[in-house]
Amino acid sequence: MTRRFILTTATLAAFLATGTPLAAAPTSDRRSESATARERTLPGLPPLLAIGDELVAVHTAGSAAPGSTIGVALFVEPHLAPGSLSLWAGLKNGWGSPVSRAETVAGSSGLLVASVDIPALLPAQARLWIGLARGGHRGTASVALPT
């Protein structure tokens, strides 16, 4: 098995263990509307980012309105130190954005959480950035901010 497959499988297991409800099938045998008229959206898997040699899955909660705060869950390999990760919302260079640090969830292996403050002046091209400092080198990757 490849490393990416193993981490993706572990990410899926951790995502499901967080208690995120999945859309269930209707419990009633009778449907009041046709199946084609009904829409259901299933939650997708969190995006998987490659930062240097590390893979990080990112799950966000909340709406990224200017001046608000969003919750972020990171699924990483267990050996990755939470102090080496920094998160911010805005531009890649981080100007005008407060930097947040991730914290380990007690009793879990590879699950980190953070609260990211959204700047009051949020550019249109703003994203959620994750920085990883390792061995004197810093790598970054980003995902779209939740709407």
Protein backbone atom coordinates (compact mmCIF):
# COMPACT_ATOMS: atom_id res chain seq x y z
CA MET A 1 0.00 0.00 0.00
CA THR A 2 1.21 3.48 -0.77
CA ARG A 3 1.71 6.16 1.85
CA ARG A 4 -0.98 8.37 0.27
CA PHE A 5 -3.53 5.51 0.36
CA ILE A 6 -2.76 4.76 4.00
CA LEU A 7 -3.03 8.43 5.01
CA THR A 8 -6.23 8.90 2.99
CA THR A 9 -7.79 5.88 4.69
CA ALA A 10 -6.66 7.12 8.11
CA THR A 11 -8.02 10.58 7.29
CA LEU A 12 -11.41 9.14 6.36
CA ALA A 13 -11.51 7.14 9.59
CA ALA A 14 -10.56 10.20 11.67
CA PHE A 15 -13.10 12.36 9.83
CA LEU A 16 -15.87 9.88 10.53
CA ALA A 17 -14.72 9.54 14.15
CA THR A 18 -15.21 13.29 14.71
CA GLY A 19 -18.95 12.67 14.62
CA THR A 20 -19.75 14.51 11.41
CA PRO A 21 -23.19 13.27 10.41
CA LEU A 22 -23.49 11.66 7.02
CA ALA A 23 -26.69 11.96 5.02
CA ALA A 24 -28.90 8.99 5.78
CA ALA A 25 -31.44 7.24 3.59
CA PRO A 26 -35.07 8.20 4.22
CA THR A 27 -36.64 6.11 6.98
CA SER A 28 -40.13 6.24 5.52
CA ASP A 29 -41.22 3.76 2.84
CA ARG A 30 -43.50 6.39 1.33
CA ARG A 31 -42.01 9.39 -0.39
CA SER A 32 -44.04 12.54 -0.76
CA GLU A 33 -41.94 13.79 -3.68
CA SER A 34 -40.33 12.17 -6.67
CA ALA A 35 -36.76 10.99 -6.38
CA THR A 36 -35.65 13.28 -9.19
CA ALA A 37 -37.03 16.39 -7.47
CA ARG A 38 -35.15 15.76 -4.25
CA GLU A 39 -31.55 16.83 -3.81
CA ARG A 40 -29.22 15.60 -1.16
CA THR A 41 -25.63 16.61 -0.76
CA LEU A 42 -23.22 14.25 0.88
CA PRO A 43 -20.35 15.79 2.78
CA GLY A 44 -17.08 15.40 0.90
CA LEU A 45 -13.79 14.27 2.26
CA PRO A 46 -11.56 17.04 3.55
CA PRO A 47 -8.97 18.28 1.04
CA LEU A 48 -5.60 16.53 1.24
CA LEU A 49 -2.64 18.92 0.94
CA ALA A 50 1.02 18.10 0.35
CA ILE A 51 3.32 20.45 2.28
CA GLY A 52 6.86 19.39 1.59
CA ASP A 53 6.97 15.65 2.37
CA GLU A 54 3.97 15.79 4.71
CA LEU A 55 0.30 15.20 3.88
CA VAL A 56 -2.32 17.23 5.75
CA ALA A 57 -6.10 16.87 5.51
CA VAL A 58 -8.06 20.02 6.36
CA HIS A 59 -11.67 20.23 7.57
CA THR A 60 -13.20 23.65 8.26
CA ALA A 61 -16.28 24.60 10.25
CA GLY A 62 -18.05 27.94 10.24
CA SER A 63 -18.39 30.77 7.79
CA ALA A 64 -15.45 32.99 6.85
CA ALA A 65 -17.13 36.37 7.24
CA PRO A 66 -14.79 39.33 7.84
CA GLY A 67 -14.07 39.69 11.56
CA SER A 68 -15.32 36.18 12.45
CA THR A 69 -13.57 32.99 13.57
CA ILE A 70 -13.61 29.56 11.91
CA GLY A 71 -12.73 26.18 13.37
CA VAL A 72 -10.17 24.02 11.62
CA ALA A 73 -9.41 20.33 12.15
CA LEU A 74 -6.14 19.02 10.71
CA PHE A 75 -5.49 15.33 10.20
CA VAL A 76 -1.72 14.76 10.09
CA GLU A 77 0.74 11.96 10.56
CA PRO A 78 1.22 11.34 14.30
CA HIS A 79 4.95 12.26 14.32
CA LEU A 80 4.25 15.83 13.14
CA ALA A 81 4.66 18.35 15.99
CA PRO A 82 1.74 20.78 16.33
CA GLY A 83 4.14 23.65 17.06
CA SER A 84 5.53 23.43 13.53
CA LEU A 85 2.14 24.29 11.98
CA SER A 86 0.75 27.81 11.64
CA LEU A 87 -2.58 28.85 10.12
CA TRP A 88 -3.91 32.16 8.84
CA ALA A 89 -6.68 33.48 6.61
CA GLY A 90 -5.86 35.97 3.89
CA LEU A 91 -2.96 36.30 1.48
CA LYS A 92 -0.02 33.93 1.21
CA ASN A 93 2.40 36.42 2.76
CA GLY A 94 0.11 36.75 5.81
CA TRP A 95 0.11 40.56 5.90
CA GLY A 96 -2.71 41.81 8.10
CA SER A 97 -3.69 38.32 9.23
CA PRO A 98 -3.36 36.99 12.78
CA VAL A 99 -1.48 33.68 12.92
CA SER A 100 -3.02 30.74 14.81
CA ARG A 101 -1.36 27.61 16.17
CA ALA A 102 -2.82 24.13 16.13
CA GLU A 103 -3.29 22.09 19.30
CA THR A 104 -3.34 18.32 19.71
CA VAL A 105 -6.66 16.72 20.65
CA ALA A 106 -6.15 14.61 23.77
CA GLY A 107 -6.56 10.90 23.19
CA SER A 108 -6.24 11.12 19.41
CA SER A 109 -3.38 10.31 17.11
CA GLY A 110 -2.78 12.86 14.40
CA LEU A 111 -5.81 15.09 15.00
CA LEU A 112 -5.09 18.80 15.59
CA VAL A 113 -7.56 21.66 16.02
CA ALA A 114 -7.25 25.43 15.69
CA SER A 115 -9.38 28.57 15.75
CA VAL A 116 -8.49 30.92 12.92
CA ASP A 117 -9.45 34.59 13.14
CA ILE A 118 -10.66 36.10 9.87
CA PRO A 119 -9.30 39.66 9.34
CA ALA A 120 -11.82 42.51 9.21
CA LEU A 121 -10.41 43.53 5.82
CA LEU A 122 -10.56 40.31 3.82
CA PRO A 123 -9.30 40.43 0.20
CA ALA A 124 -11.42 38.75 -2.47
CA GLN A 125 -8.64 36.23 -3.23
CA ALA A 126 -8.13 35.28 0.44
CA ARG A 127 -7.63 31.61 1.33
CA LEU A 128 -6.93 29.53 4.44
CA TRP A 129 -3.15 29.03 4.55
CA ILE A 130 -1.27 26.33 6.44
CA GLY A 131 2.46 26.77 7.00
CA LEU A 132 4.83 24.01 8.05
CA ALA A 133 8.28 24.86 9.41
CA ARG A 134 10.75 21.98 9.26
CA GLY A 135 14.52 21.92 9.37
CA GLY A 136 14.85 25.63 8.65
CA HIS A 137 12.54 25.40 5.63
CA ARG A 138 8.95 26.61 5.49
CA GLY A 139 6.36 25.16 3.17
CA THR A 140 2.84 26.45 2.64
CA ALA A 141 -0.40 25.22 1.09
CA SER A 142 -3.92 26.59 1.02
CA VAL A 143 -7.58 25.70 0.72
CA ALA A 144 -10.57 27.88 -0.07
CA LEU A 145 -12.20 29.64 2.85
CA PRO A 146 -15.62 28.22 3.79
CA THR A 147 -18.56 30.35 2.71
